[in-house]
Amino acid sequence: MRALPEGTVAVATNGGVSVLAPSADGESLRALTGPDGKETLRAALLAPAEPGVLLTLHPDAGLTLSEGDAVKHVTSRNGLFTDGLESAAVDKWRNVWLLASDGRAFIVPLSALREAR
């Protein structure tokens, strides 16, 4: 579970990632889904990148970048240096710092993750 800068809360379960947001009617729960309409993969870590943007690391399955209703899955097949990620952080220049399971580290601009095909 992670509080996000815009006042919402992201929750990761074995069933995927959902965002709990306050609304005029109380609260709303929105499941993050990928381009195929399926729920996101099991999450290992949630890292806010900037308001409205969430990075989710998946055990041995890369990461997803969620912006509103848009979810992009980034893996070694479309440019990520490894699928096994342990940790992530985003600095004030919007660089994403990634730590792999094997100890390697990688720094990538958030914009490059957005552009991954």
PDB file of N, CA and C in Angstrom:
ATOM      1  N   MET A   1       0.855  -1.164   0.000  1.00  0.00           N
ATOM      2  CA  MET A   1       0.000   0.000   0.000  1.00  0.00           C
ATOM      3  C   MET A   1       0.901   1.226   0.000  1.00  0.00           C
ATOM      4  N   ARG A   2       0.497   2.233  -0.787  1.00  0.00           N
ATOM      5  CA  ARG A   2       1.307   3.439  -0.882  1.00  0.00           C
ATOM      6  C   ARG A   2       0.404   4.650  -1.059  1.00  0.00           C
ATOM      7  N   ALA A   3       0.593   5.672  -0.204  1.00  0.00           N
ATOM      8  CA  ALA A   3      -0.110   6.944  -0.378  1.00  0.00           C
ATOM      9  C   ALA A   3       0.551   7.682  -1.540  1.00  0.00           C
ATOM     10  N   LEU A   4      -0.261   8.233  -2.428  1.00  0.00           N
ATOM     11  CA  LEU A   4       0.252   8.926  -3.603  1.00  0.00           C
ATOM     12  C   LEU A   4       0.097  10.434  -3.434  1.00  0.00           C
ATOM     13  N   PRO A   5       0.934  11.227  -4.122  1.00  0.00           N
ATOM     14  CA  PRO A   5       0.933  12.678  -3.929  1.00  0.00           C
ATOM     15  C   PRO A   5      -0.410  13.362  -4.169  1.00  0.00           C
ATOM     16  N   GLU A   6      -1.256  12.805  -5.049  1.00  0.00           N
ATOM     17  CA  GLU A   6      -2.520  13.468  -5.367  1.00  0.00           C
ATOM     18  C   GLU A   6      -3.630  13.161  -4.374  1.00  0.00           C
ATOM     19  N   GLY A   7      -3.302  12.445  -3.284  1.00  0.00           N
ATOM     20  CA  GLY A   7      -4.300  12.173  -2.250  1.00  0.00           C
ATOM     21  C   GLY A   7      -4.995  10.834  -2.385  1.00  0.00           C
ATOM     22  N   THR A   8      -4.574  10.026  -3.343  1.00  0.00           N
ATOM     23  CA  THR A   8      -5.136   8.688  -3.500  1.00  0.00           C
ATOM     24  C   THR A   8      -4.224   7.678  -2.814  1.00  0.00           C
ATOM     25  N   VAL A   9      -4.688   6.436  -2.738  1.00  0.00           N
ATOM     26  CA  VAL A   9      -3.886   5.362  -2.157  1.00  0.00           C
ATOM     27  C   VAL A   9      -3.872   4.195  -3.139  1.00  0.00           C
ATOM     28  N   ALA A  10      -2.681   3.704  -3.476  1.00  0.00           N
ATOM     29  CA  ALA A  10      -2.546   2.528  -4.345  1.00  0.00           C
ATOM     30  C   ALA A  10      -2.384   1.305  -3.461  1.00  0.00           C
ATOM     31  N   VAL A  11      -3.081   0.240  -3.824  1.00  0.00           N
ATOM     32  CA  VAL A  11      -3.056  -1.003  -3.057  1.00  0.00           C
ATOM     33  C   VAL A  11      -2.676  -2.138  -4.002  1.00  0.00           C
ATOM     34  N   ALA A  12      -1.653  -2.914  -3.624  1.00  0.00           N
ATOM     35  CA  ALA A  12      -1.217  -4.054  -4.433  1.00  0.00           C
ATOM     36  C   ALA A  12      -1.614  -5.347  -3.739  1.00  0.00           C
ATOM     37  N   THR A  13      -2.217  -6.238  -4.505  1.00  0.00           N
ATOM     38  CA  THR A  13      -2.578  -7.561  -3.996  1.00  0.00           C
ATOM     39  C   THR A  13      -2.158  -8.596  -5.032  1.00  0.00           C
ATOM     40  N   ASN A  14      -2.388  -9.863  -4.740  1.00  0.00           N
ATOM     41  CA  ASN A  14      -2.091 -10.905  -5.726  1.00  0.00           C
ATOM     42  C   ASN A  14      -2.965 -10.765  -6.961  1.00  0.00           C
ATOM     43  N   GLY A  15      -4.063 -10.036  -6.842  1.00  0.00           N
ATOM     44  CA  GLY A  15      -4.970  -9.836  -7.965  1.00  0.00           C
ATOM     45  C   GLY A  15      -4.660  -8.623  -8.803  1.00  0.00           C
ATOM     46  N   GLY A  16      -3.634  -7.866  -8.462  1.00  0.00           N
ATOM     47  CA  GLY A  16      -3.282  -6.685  -9.226  1.00  0.00           C
ATOM     48  C   GLY A  16      -3.209  -5.445  -8.360  1.00  0.00           C
ATOM     49  N   VAL A  17      -3.293  -4.293  -8.998  1.00  0.00           N
ATOM     50  CA  VAL A  17      -3.169  -3.003  -8.317  1.00  0.00           C
ATOM     51  C   VAL A  17      -4.462  -2.226  -8.487  1.00  0.00           C
ATOM     52  N   SER A  18      -4.926  -1.635  -7.395  1.00  0.00           N
ATOM     53  CA  SER A  18      -6.113  -0.781  -7.428  1.00  0.00           C
ATOM     54  C   SER A  18      -5.776   0.547  -6.777  1.00  0.00           C
ATOM     55  N   VAL A  19      -6.510   1.581  -7.164  1.00  0.00           N
ATOM     56  CA  VAL A  19      -6.322   2.913  -6.590  1.00  0.00           C
ATOM     57  C   VAL A  19      -7.610   3.317  -5.893  1.00  0.00           C
ATOM     58  N   LEU A  20      -7.486   3.692  -4.627  1.00  0.00           N
ATOM     59  CA  LEU A  20      -8.607   4.156  -3.816  1.00  0.00           C
ATOM     60  C   LEU A  20      -8.553   5.675  -3.794  1.00  0.00           C
ATOM     61  N   ALA A  21      -9.642   6.317  -4.234  1.00  0.00           N
ATOM     62  CA  ALA A  21      -9.660   7.775  -4.328  1.00  0.00           C
ATOM     63  C   ALA A  21     -10.881   8.336  -3.627  1.00  0.00           C
ATOM     64  N   PRO A  22     -10.702   9.444  -2.878  1.00  0.00           N
ATOM     65  CA  PRO A  22     -11.866  10.098  -2.291  1.00  0.00           C
ATOM     66  C   PRO A  22     -12.709  10.729  -3.396  1.00  0.00           C
ATOM     67  N   SER A  23     -14.014  10.717  -3.214  1.00  0.00           N
ATOM     68  CA  SER A  23     -14.908  11.346  -4.191  1.00  0.00           C
ATOM     69  C   SER A  23     -16.058  12.004  -3.446  1.00  0.00           C
ATOM     70  N   ALA A  24     -16.884  12.723  -4.167  1.00  0.00           N
ATOM     71  CA  ALA A  24     -18.024  13.409  -3.553  1.00  0.00           C
ATOM     72  C   ALA A  24     -18.980  12.414  -2.905  1.00  0.00           C
ATOM     73  N   ASP A  25     -19.035  11.199  -3.439  1.00  0.00           N
ATOM     74  CA  ASP A  25     -19.938  10.168  -2.915  1.00  0.00           C
ATOM     75  C   ASP A  25     -19.284   9.295  -1.853  1.00  0.00           C
ATOM     76  N   GLY A  26     -18.094   9.608  -1.450  1.00  0.00           N
ATOM     77  CA  GLY A  26     -17.380   8.790  -0.473  1.00  0.00           C
ATOM     78  C   GLY A  26     -16.016   8.426  -1.009  1.00  0.00           C
ATOM     79  N   GLU A  27     -15.869   7.193  -1.479  1.00  0.00           N
ATOM     80  CA  GLU A  27     -14.601   6.744  -2.034  1.00  0.00           C
ATOM     81  C   GLU A  27     -14.868   5.880  -3.258  1.00  0.00           C
ATOM     82  N   SER A  28     -13.919   5.862  -4.164  1.00  0.00           N
ATOM     83  CA  SER A  28     -14.047   4.988  -5.331  1.00  0.00           C
ATOM     84  C   SER A  28     -12.810   4.106  -5.427  1.00  0.00           C
ATOM     85  N   LEU A  29     -12.999   2.886  -5.893  1.00  0.00           N
ATOM     86  CA  LEU A  29     -11.908   1.937  -6.070  1.00  0.00           C
ATOM     87  C   LEU A  29     -11.810   1.613  -7.554  1.00  0.00           C
ATOM     88  N   ARG A  30     -10.631   1.829  -8.130  1.00  0.00           N
ATOM     89  CA  ARG A  30     -10.422   1.600  -9.562  1.00  0.00           C
ATOM     90  C   ARG A  30      -9.275   0.621  -9.752  1.00  0.00           C
ATOM     91  N   ALA A  31      -9.543  -0.492 -10.425  1.00  0.00           N
ATOM     92  CA  ALA A  31      -8.493  -1.464 -10.736  1.00  0.00           C
ATOM     93  C   ALA A  31      -7.704  -0.967 -11.937  1.00  0.00           C
ATOM     94  N   LEU A  32      -6.386  -1.033 -11.849  1.00  0.00           N
ATOM     95  CA  LEU A  32      -5.550  -0.667 -12.983  1.00  0.00           C
ATOM     96  C   LEU A  32      -5.491  -1.858 -13.926  1.00  0.00           C
ATOM     97  N   THR A  33      -5.804  -1.617 -15.182  1.00  0.00           N
ATOM     98  CA  THR A  33      -5.784  -2.694 -16.169  1.00  0.00           C
ATOM     99  C   THR A  33      -4.830  -2.346 -17.297  1.00  0.00           C
ATOM    100  N   GLY A  34      -4.299  -3.364 -17.929  1.00  0.00           N
ATOM    101  CA  GLY A  34      -3.378  -3.184 -19.040  1.00  0.00           C
ATOM    102  C   GLY A  34      -4.122  -2.949 -20.337  1.00  0.00           C
ATOM    103  N   PRO A  35      -3.379  -2.815 -21.441  1.00  0.00           N
ATOM    104  CA  PRO A  35      -3.993  -2.552 -22.735  1.00  0.00           C
ATOM    105  C   PRO A  35      -4.943  -3.659 -23.189  1.00  0.00           C
ATOM    106  N   ASP A  36      -4.739  -4.869 -22.684  1.00  0.00           N
ATOM    107  CA  ASP A  36      -5.601  -5.992 -23.061  1.00  0.00           C
ATOM    108  C   ASP A  36      -6.851  -6.078 -22.194  1.00  0.00           C
ATOM    109  N   GLY A  37      -7.012  -5.128 -21.266  1.00  0.00           N
ATOM    110  CA  GLY A  37      -8.177  -5.120 -20.389  1.00  0.00           C
ATOM    111  C   GLY A  37      -8.039  -5.999 -19.167  1.00  0.00           C
ATOM    112  N   LYS A  38      -6.935  -6.731 -19.069  1.00  0.00           N
ATOM    113  CA  LYS A  38      -6.712  -7.595 -17.912  1.00  0.00           C
ATOM    114  C   LYS A  38      -6.110  -6.789 -16.777  1.00  0.00           C
ATOM    115  N   GLU A  39      -6.343  -7.259 -15.554  1.00  0.00           N
ATOM    116  CA  GLU A  39      -5.758  -6.578 -14.408  1.00  0.00           C
ATOM    117  C   GLU A  39      -4.240  -6.688 -14.452  1.00  0.00           C
ATOM    118  N   THR A  40      -3.584  -5.750 -13.789  1.00  0.00           N
ATOM    119  CA  THR A  40      -2.133  -5.757 -13.743  1.00  0.00           C
ATOM    120  C   THR A  40      -1.634  -6.990 -12.998  1.00  0.00           C
ATOM    121  N   LEU A  41      -0.378  -7.314 -13.208  1.00  0.00           N
ATOM    122  CA  LEU A  41       0.238  -8.465 -12.566  1.00  0.00           C
ATOM    123  C   LEU A  41       0.419  -8.240 -11.074  1.00  0.00           C
ATOM    124  N   ARG A  42       0.708  -9.318 -10.363  1.00  0.00           N
ATOM    125  CA  ARG A  42       1.009  -9.221  -8.931  1.00  0.00           C
ATOM    126  C   ARG A  42       2.149  -8.226  -8.731  1.00  0.00           C
ATOM    127  N   ALA A  43       2.001  -7.345  -7.779  1.00  0.00           N
ATOM    128  CA  ALA A  43       2.966  -6.266  -7.576  1.00  0.00           C
ATOM    129  C   ALA A  43       3.891  -6.553  -6.403  1.00  0.00           C
ATOM    130  N   ALA A  44       5.155  -6.142  -6.559  1.00  0.00           N
ATOM    131  CA  ALA A  44       6.131  -6.277  -5.487  1.00  0.00           C
ATOM    132  C   ALA A  44       6.432  -4.930  -4.839  1.00  0.00           C
ATOM    133  N   LEU A  45       6.289  -3.830  -5.597  1.00  0.00           N
ATOM    134  CA  LEU A  45       6.604  -2.513  -5.067  1.00  0.00           C
ATOM    135  C   LEU A  45       5.833  -1.458  -5.842  1.00  0.00           C
ATOM    136  N   LEU A  46       5.335  -0.460  -5.134  1.00  0.00           N
ATOM    137  CA  LEU A  46       4.640   0.676  -5.742  1.00  0.00           C
ATOM    138  C   LEU A  46       5.488   1.920  -5.510  1.00  0.00           C
ATOM    139  N   ALA A  47       5.776   2.670  -6.571  1.00  0.00           N
ATOM    140  CA  ALA A  47       6.595   3.874  -6.448  1.00  0.00           C
ATOM    141  C   ALA A  47       5.950   5.014  -7.229  1.00  0.00           C
ATOM    142  N   PRO A  48       5.481   6.072  -6.535  1.00  0.00           N
ATOM    143  CA  PRO A  48       4.932   7.212  -7.267  1.00  0.00           C
ATOM    144  C   PRO A  48       6.048   7.916  -8.037  1.00  0.00           C
ATOM    145  N   ALA A  49       5.795   8.222  -9.308  1.00  0.00           N
ATOM    146  CA  ALA A  49       6.800   8.880 -10.139  1.00  0.00           C
ATOM    147  C   ALA A  49       6.590  10.391 -10.159  1.00  0.00           C
ATOM    148  N   GLU A  50       5.347  10.793 -10.232  1.00  0.00           N
ATOM    149  CA  GLU A  50       4.931  12.196 -10.189  1.00  0.00           C
ATOM    150  C   GLU A  50       3.425  12.154  -9.971  1.00  0.00           C
ATOM    151  N   PRO A  51       2.778  13.278  -9.676  1.00  0.00           N
ATOM    152  CA  PRO A  51       1.329  13.215  -9.451  1.00  0.00           C
ATOM    153  C   PRO A  51       0.603  12.548 -10.622  1.00  0.00           C
ATOM    154  N   GLY A  52      -0.175  11.531 -10.303  1.00  0.00           N
ATOM    155  CA  GLY A  52      -0.943  10.821 -11.314  1.00  0.00           C
ATOM    156  C   GLY A  52      -0.206   9.712 -12.034  1.00  0.00           C
ATOM    157  N   VAL A  53       1.062   9.495 -11.690  1.00  0.00           N
ATOM    158  CA  VAL A  53       1.877   8.472 -12.361  1.00  0.00           C
ATOM    159  C   VAL A  53       2.434   7.506 -11.319  1.00  0.00           C
ATOM    160  N   LEU A  54       2.193   6.215 -11.539  1.00  0.00           N
ATOM    161  CA  LEU A  54       2.618   5.184 -10.595  1.00  0.00           C
ATOM    162  C   LEU A  54       3.450   4.134 -11.310  1.00  0.00           C
ATOM    163  N   LEU A  55       4.608   3.806 -10.733  1.00  0.00           N
ATOM    164  CA  LEU A  55       5.423   2.687 -11.206  1.00  0.00           C
ATOM    165  C   LEU A  55       5.120   1.490 -10.322  1.00  0.00           C
ATOM    166  N   THR A  56       4.904   0.339 -10.930  1.00  0.00           N
ATOM    167  CA  THR A  56       4.668  -0.892 -10.188  1.00  0.00           C
ATOM    168  C   THR A  56       5.683  -1.923 -10.654  1.00  0.00           C
ATOM    169  N   LEU A  57       6.474  -2.450  -9.711  1.00  0.00           N
ATOM    170  CA  LEU A  57       7.430  -3.500 -10.046  1.00  0.00           C
ATOM    171  C   LEU A  57       6.767  -4.850  -9.832  1.00  0.00           C
ATOM    172  N   HIS A  58       7.060  -5.781 -10.734  1.00  0.00           N
ATOM    173  CA  HIS A  58       6.488  -7.126 -10.668  1.00  0.00           C
ATOM    174  C   HIS A  58       7.623  -8.143 -10.565  1.00  0.00           C
ATOM    175  N   PRO A  59       7.505  -9.148  -9.683  1.00  0.00           N
ATOM    176  CA  PRO A  59       8.567 -10.149  -9.564  1.00  0.00           C
ATOM    177  C   PRO A  59       8.792 -10.850 -10.908  1.00  0.00           C
ATOM    178  N   ASP A  60       9.975 -10.714 -11.445  1.00  0.00           N
ATOM    179  CA  ASP A  60      10.378 -11.360 -12.704  1.00  0.00           C
ATOM    180  C   ASP A  60       9.493 -11.007 -13.896  1.00  0.00           C
ATOM    181  N   ALA A  61       8.813  -9.863 -13.856  1.00  0.00           N
ATOM    182  CA  ALA A  61       7.943  -9.480 -14.976  1.00  0.00           C
ATOM    183  C   ALA A  61       8.056  -7.997 -15.301  1.00  0.00           C
ATOM    184  N   GLY A  62       9.181  -7.357 -14.977  1.00  0.00           N
ATOM    185  CA  GLY A  62       9.382  -5.963 -15.330  1.00  0.00           C
ATOM    186  C   GLY A  62       8.582  -4.994 -14.483  1.00  0.00           C
ATOM    187  N   LEU A  63       8.038  -3.971 -15.131  1.00  0.00           N
ATOM    188  CA  LEU A  63       7.285  -2.945 -14.415  1.00  0.00           C
ATOM    189  C   LEU A  63       6.123  -2.472 -15.264  1.00  0.00           C
ATOM    190  N   THR A  64       5.182  -1.831 -14.600  1.00  0.00           N
ATOM    191  CA  THR A  64       4.128  -1.132 -15.327  1.00  0.00           C
ATOM    192  C   THR A  64       4.181   0.335 -14.944  1.00  0.00           C
ATOM    193  N   LEU A  65       3.848   1.166 -15.897  1.00  0.00           N
ATOM    194  CA  LEU A  65       3.763   2.606 -15.725  1.00  0.00           C
ATOM    195  C   LEU A  65       2.296   2.960 -15.907  1.00  0.00           C
ATOM    196  N   SER A  66       1.665   3.455 -14.845  1.00  0.00           N
ATOM    197  CA  SER A  66       0.236   3.779 -14.881  1.00  0.00           C
ATOM    198  C   SER A  66       0.061   5.287 -14.829  1.00  0.00           C
ATOM    199  N   GLU A  67      -0.656   5.822 -15.810  1.00  0.00           N
ATOM    200  CA  GLU A  67      -0.986   7.248 -15.855  1.00  0.00           C
ATOM    201  C   GLU A  67      -2.480   7.355 -16.085  1.00  0.00           C
ATOM    202  N   GLY A  68      -3.226   7.636 -15.034  1.00  0.00           N
ATOM    203  CA  GLY A  68      -4.678   7.654 -15.149  1.00  0.00           C
ATOM    204  C   GLY A  68      -5.173   6.278 -15.525  1.00  0.00           C
ATOM    205  N   ASP A  69      -5.900   6.181 -16.625  1.00  0.00           N
ATOM    206  CA  ASP A  69      -6.406   4.887 -17.079  1.00  0.00           C
ATOM    207  C   ASP A  69      -5.438   4.165 -18.012  1.00  0.00           C
ATOM    208  N   ALA A  70      -4.361   4.817 -18.403  1.00  0.00           N
ATOM    209  CA  ALA A  70      -3.387   4.193 -19.304  1.00  0.00           C
ATOM    210  C   ALA A  70      -2.347   3.417 -18.503  1.00  0.00           C
ATOM    211  N   VAL A  71      -2.139   2.153 -18.878  1.00  0.00           N
ATOM    212  CA  VAL A  71      -1.157   1.303 -18.214  1.00  0.00           C
ATOM    213  C   VAL A  71      -0.242   0.712 -19.277  1.00  0.00           C
ATOM    214  N   LYS A  72       1.067   0.906 -19.119  1.00  0.00           N
ATOM    215  CA  LYS A  72       2.051   0.362 -20.061  1.00  0.00           C
ATOM    216  C   LYS A  72       2.938  -0.630 -19.324  1.00  0.00           C
ATOM    217  N   HIS A  73       3.080  -1.843 -19.870  1.00  0.00           N
ATOM    218  CA  HIS A  73       3.937  -2.874 -19.296  1.00  0.00           C
ATOM    219  C   HIS A  73       5.285  -2.802 -20.001  1.00  0.00           C
ATOM    220  N   VAL A  74       6.357  -2.600 -19.230  1.00  0.00           N
ATOM    221  CA  VAL A  74       7.704  -2.496 -19.782  1.00  0.00           C
ATOM    222  C   VAL A  74       8.516  -3.683 -19.273  1.00  0.00           C
ATOM    223  N   THR A  75       9.087  -4.447 -20.210  1.00  0.00           N
ATOM    224  CA  THR A  75       9.877  -5.632 -19.869  1.00  0.00           C
ATOM    225  C   THR A  75      11.168  -5.621 -20.680  1.00  0.00           C
ATOM    226  N   SER A  76      11.949  -6.674 -20.521  1.00  0.00           N
ATOM    227  CA  SER A  76      13.181  -6.789 -21.311  1.00  0.00           C
ATOM    228  C   SER A  76      12.864  -6.932 -22.801  1.00  0.00           C
ATOM    229  N   ARG A  77      11.660  -7.329 -23.138  1.00  0.00           N
ATOM    230  CA  ARG A  77      11.282  -7.460 -24.552  1.00  0.00           C
ATOM    231  C   ARG A  77      11.090  -6.112 -25.239  1.00  0.00           C
ATOM    232  N   ASN A  78      10.824  -5.071 -24.450  1.00  0.00           N
ATOM    233  CA  ASN A  78      10.676  -3.754 -25.082  1.00  0.00           C
ATOM    234  C   ASN A  78      11.605  -2.704 -24.470  1.00  0.00           C
ATOM    235  N   GLY A  79      12.815  -3.153 -24.064  1.00  0.00           N
ATOM    236  CA  GLY A  79      13.850  -2.198 -23.713  1.00  0.00           C
ATOM    237  C   GLY A  79      14.343  -2.164 -22.280  1.00  0.00           C
ATOM    238  N   LEU A  80      13.649  -2.794 -21.349  1.00  0.00           N
ATOM    239  CA  LEU A  80      14.096  -2.784 -19.959  1.00  0.00           C
ATOM    240  C   LEU A  80      15.335  -3.668 -19.823  1.00  0.00           C
ATOM    241  N   PHE A  81      16.294  -3.281 -18.977  1.00  0.00           N
ATOM    242  CA  PHE A  81      17.553  -4.016 -18.876  1.00  0.00           C
ATOM    243  C   PHE A  81      17.409  -5.375 -18.209  1.00  0.00           C
ATOM    244  N   THR A  82      16.339  -5.613 -17.480  1.00  0.00           N
ATOM    245  CA  THR A  82      16.060  -6.905 -16.857  1.00  0.00           C
ATOM    246  C   THR A  82      14.593  -6.947 -16.457  1.00  0.00           C
ATOM    247  N   ASP A  83      14.067  -8.144 -16.279  1.00  0.00           N
ATOM    248  CA  ASP A  83      12.698  -8.280 -15.782  1.00  0.00           C
ATOM    249  C   ASP A  83      12.662  -8.442 -14.268  1.00  0.00           C
ATOM    250  N   GLY A  84      13.799  -8.791 -13.663  1.00  0.00           N
ATOM    251  CA  GLY A  84      13.868  -9.015 -12.216  1.00  0.00           C
ATOM    252  C   GLY A  84      14.267  -7.750 -11.480  1.00  0.00           C
ATOM    253  N   LEU A  85      13.297  -7.001 -11.005  1.00  0.00           N
ATOM    254  CA  LEU A  85      13.554  -5.734 -10.311  1.00  0.00           C
ATOM    255  C   LEU A  85      13.191  -5.851  -8.835  1.00  0.00           C
ATOM    256  N   GLU A  86      13.994  -5.219  -7.987  1.00  0.00           N
ATOM    257  CA  GLU A  86      13.783  -5.253  -6.538  1.00  0.00           C
ATOM    258  C   GLU A  86      13.256  -3.936  -5.982  1.00  0.00           C
ATOM    259  N   SER A  87      13.736  -2.825  -6.540  1.00  0.00           N
ATOM    260  CA  SER A  87      13.396  -1.533  -5.958  1.00  0.00           C
ATOM    261  C   SER A  87      13.436  -0.447  -7.031  1.00  0.00           C
ATOM    262  N   ALA A  88      12.725   0.646  -6.746  1.00  0.00           N
ATOM    263  CA  ALA A  88      12.704   1.785  -7.666  1.00  0.00           C
ATOM    264  C   ALA A  88      12.480   3.066  -6.882  1.00  0.00           C
ATOM    265  N   ALA A  89      13.027   4.138  -7.395  1.00  0.00           N
ATOM    266  CA  ALA A  89      12.803   5.469  -6.830  1.00  0.00           C
ATOM    267  C   ALA A  89      12.881   6.466  -7.982  1.00  0.00           C
ATOM    268  N   VAL A  90      12.213   7.590  -7.817  1.00  0.00           N
ATOM    269  CA  VAL A  90      12.220   8.639  -8.839  1.00  0.00           C
ATOM    270  C   VAL A  90      12.762   9.909  -8.201  1.00  0.00           C
ATOM    271  N   ASP A  91      13.781  10.509  -8.830  1.00  0.00           N
ATOM    272  CA  ASP A  91      14.367  11.724  -8.272  1.00  0.00           C
ATOM    273  C   ASP A  91      13.646  12.975  -8.795  1.00  0.00           C
ATOM    274  N   LYS A  92      14.081  14.149  -8.327  1.00  0.00           N
ATOM    275  CA  LYS A  92      13.384  15.388  -8.678  1.00  0.00           C
ATOM    276  C   LYS A  92      13.527  15.757 -10.152  1.00  0.00           C
ATOM    277  N   TRP A  93      14.469  15.136 -10.861  1.00  0.00           N
ATOM    278  CA  TRP A  93      14.644  15.381 -12.294  1.00  0.00           C
ATOM    279  C   TRP A  93      13.871  14.359 -13.126  1.00  0.00           C
ATOM    280  N   ARG A  94      13.053  13.565 -12.466  1.00  0.00           N
ATOM    281  CA  ARG A  94      12.225  12.518 -13.095  1.00  0.00           C
ATOM    282  C   ARG A  94      13.058  11.405 -13.731  1.00  0.00           C
ATOM    283  N   ASN A  95      14.198  11.122 -13.106  1.00  0.00           N
ATOM    284  CA  ASN A  95      14.969   9.934 -13.462  1.00  0.00           C
ATOM    285  C   ASN A  95      14.483   8.792 -12.592  1.00  0.00           C
ATOM    286  N   VAL A  96      14.309   7.625 -13.184  1.00  0.00           N
ATOM    287  CA  VAL A  96      13.866   6.445 -12.444  1.00  0.00           C
ATOM    288  C   VAL A  96      15.101   5.600 -12.140  1.00  0.00           C
ATOM    289  N   TRP A  97      15.346   5.365 -10.857  1.00  0.00           N
ATOM    290  CA  TRP A  97      16.461   4.544 -10.403  1.00  0.00           C
ATOM    291  C   TRP A  97      15.918   3.150 -10.146  1.00  0.00           C
ATOM    292  N   LEU A  98      16.469   2.164 -10.836  1.00  0.00           N
ATOM    293  CA  LEU A  98      15.994   0.788 -10.714  1.00  0.00           C
ATOM    294  C   LEU A  98      17.113  -0.095 -10.180  1.00  0.00           C
ATOM    295  N   LEU A  99      16.779  -0.977  -9.248  1.00  0.00           N
ATOM    296  CA  LEU A  99      17.722  -1.943  -8.699  1.00  0.00           C
ATOM    297  C   LEU A  99      17.239  -3.334  -9.067  1.00  0.00           C
ATOM    298  N   ALA A 100      18.119  -4.104  -9.713  1.00  0.00           N
ATOM    299  CA  ALA A 100      17.769  -5.453 -10.156  1.00  0.00           C
ATOM    300  C   ALA A 100      18.025  -6.478  -9.053  1.00  0.00           C
ATOM    301  N   SER A 101      17.416  -7.635  -9.199  1.00  0.00           N
ATOM    302  CA  SER A 101      17.580  -8.732  -8.243  1.00  0.00           C
ATOM    303  C   SER A 101      19.034  -9.177  -8.136  1.00  0.00           C
ATOM    304  N   ASP A 102      19.791  -9.040  -9.223  1.00  0.00           N
ATOM    305  CA  ASP A 102      21.192  -9.476  -9.220  1.00  0.00           C
ATOM    306  C   ASP A 102      22.154  -8.379  -8.763  1.00  0.00           C
ATOM    307  N   GLY A 103      21.637  -7.244  -8.288  1.00  0.00           N
ATOM    308  CA  GLY A 103      22.470  -6.175  -7.755  1.00  0.00           C
ATOM    309  C   GLY A 103      22.807  -5.070  -8.740  1.00  0.00           C
ATOM    310  N   ARG A 104      22.508  -5.254 -10.015  1.00  0.00           N
ATOM    311  CA  ARG A 104      22.774  -4.193 -10.987  1.00  0.00           C
ATOM    312  C   ARG A 104      21.792  -3.042 -10.776  1.00  0.00           C
ATOM    313  N   ALA A 105      22.268  -1.844 -11.083  1.00  0.00           N
ATOM    314  CA  ALA A 105      21.411  -0.660 -10.990  1.00  0.00           C
ATOM    315  C   ALA A 105      21.364   0.018 -12.355  1.00  0.00           C
ATOM    316  N   PHE A 106      20.285   0.734 -12.585  1.00  0.00           N
ATOM    317  CA  PHE A 106      20.080   1.386 -13.875  1.00  0.00           C
ATOM    318  C   PHE A 106      19.298   2.663 -13.621  1.00  0.00           C
ATOM    319  N   ILE A 107      19.667   3.718 -14.314  1.00  0.00           N
ATOM    320  CA  ILE A 107      18.950   4.987 -14.216  1.00  0.00           C
ATOM    321  C   ILE A 107      18.394   5.296 -15.598  1.00  0.00           C
ATOM    322  N   VAL A 108      17.093   5.542 -15.668  1.00  0.00           N
ATOM    323  CA  VAL A 108      16.438   5.809 -16.949  1.00  0.00           C
ATOM    324  C   VAL A 108      15.477   6.986 -16.772  1.00  0.00           C
ATOM    325  N   PRO A 109      15.434   7.913 -17.724  1.00  0.00           N
ATOM    326  CA  PRO A 109      14.461   8.998 -17.629  1.00  0.00           C
ATOM    327  C   PRO A 109      13.033   8.441 -17.683  1.00  0.00           C
ATOM    328  N   LEU A 110      12.145   9.016 -16.910  1.00  0.00           N
ATOM    329  CA  LEU A 110      10.742   8.608 -16.927  1.00  0.00           C
ATOM    330  C   LEU A 110      10.193   8.684 -18.352  1.00  0.00           C
ATOM    331  N   SER A 111      10.634   9.675 -19.110  1.00  0.00           N
ATOM    332  CA  SER A 111      10.160   9.826 -20.490  1.00  0.00           C
ATOM    333  C   SER A 111      10.514   8.607 -21.347  1.00  0.00           C
ATOM    334  N   ALA A 112      11.647   7.966 -21.092  1.00  0.00           N
ATOM    335  CA  ALA A 112      12.037   6.777 -21.862  1.00  0.00           C
ATOM    336  C   ALA A 112      11.112   5.605 -21.560  1.00  0.00           C
ATOM    337  N   LEU A 113      10.659   5.479 -20.316  1.00  0.00           N
ATOM    338  CA  LEU A 113       9.703   4.415 -19.989  1.00  0.00           C
ATOM    339  C   LEU A 113       8.367   4.683 -20.679  1.00  0.00           C
ATOM    340  N   ARG A 114       7.987   5.946 -20.748  1.00  0.00           N
ATOM    341  CA  ARG A 114       6.739   6.301 -21.443  1.00  0.00           C
ATOM    342  C   ARG A 114       6.806   5.944 -22.928  1.00  0.00           C
ATOM    343  N   GLU A 115       7.992   6.064 -23.515  1.00  0.00           N
ATOM    344  CA  GLU A 115       8.157   5.830 -24.950  1.00  0.00           C
ATOM    345  C   GLU A 115       8.436   4.377 -25.308  1.00  0.00           C
ATOM    346  N   ALA A 116       8.644   3.504 -24.318  1.00  0.00           N
ATOM    347  CA  ALA A 116       8.938   2.088 -24.607  1.00  0.00           C
ATOM    348  C   ALA A 116       7.804   1.490 -25.420  1.00  0.00           C
ATOM    349  N   ARG A 117       8.147   0.690 -26.389  1.00  0.00           N
ATOM    350  CA  ARG A 117       7.129   0.078 -27.260  1.00  0.00           C
ATOM    351  C   ARG A 117       6.896  -1.309 -26.845  1.00  0.00           C
TER     352      ARG A 117
END
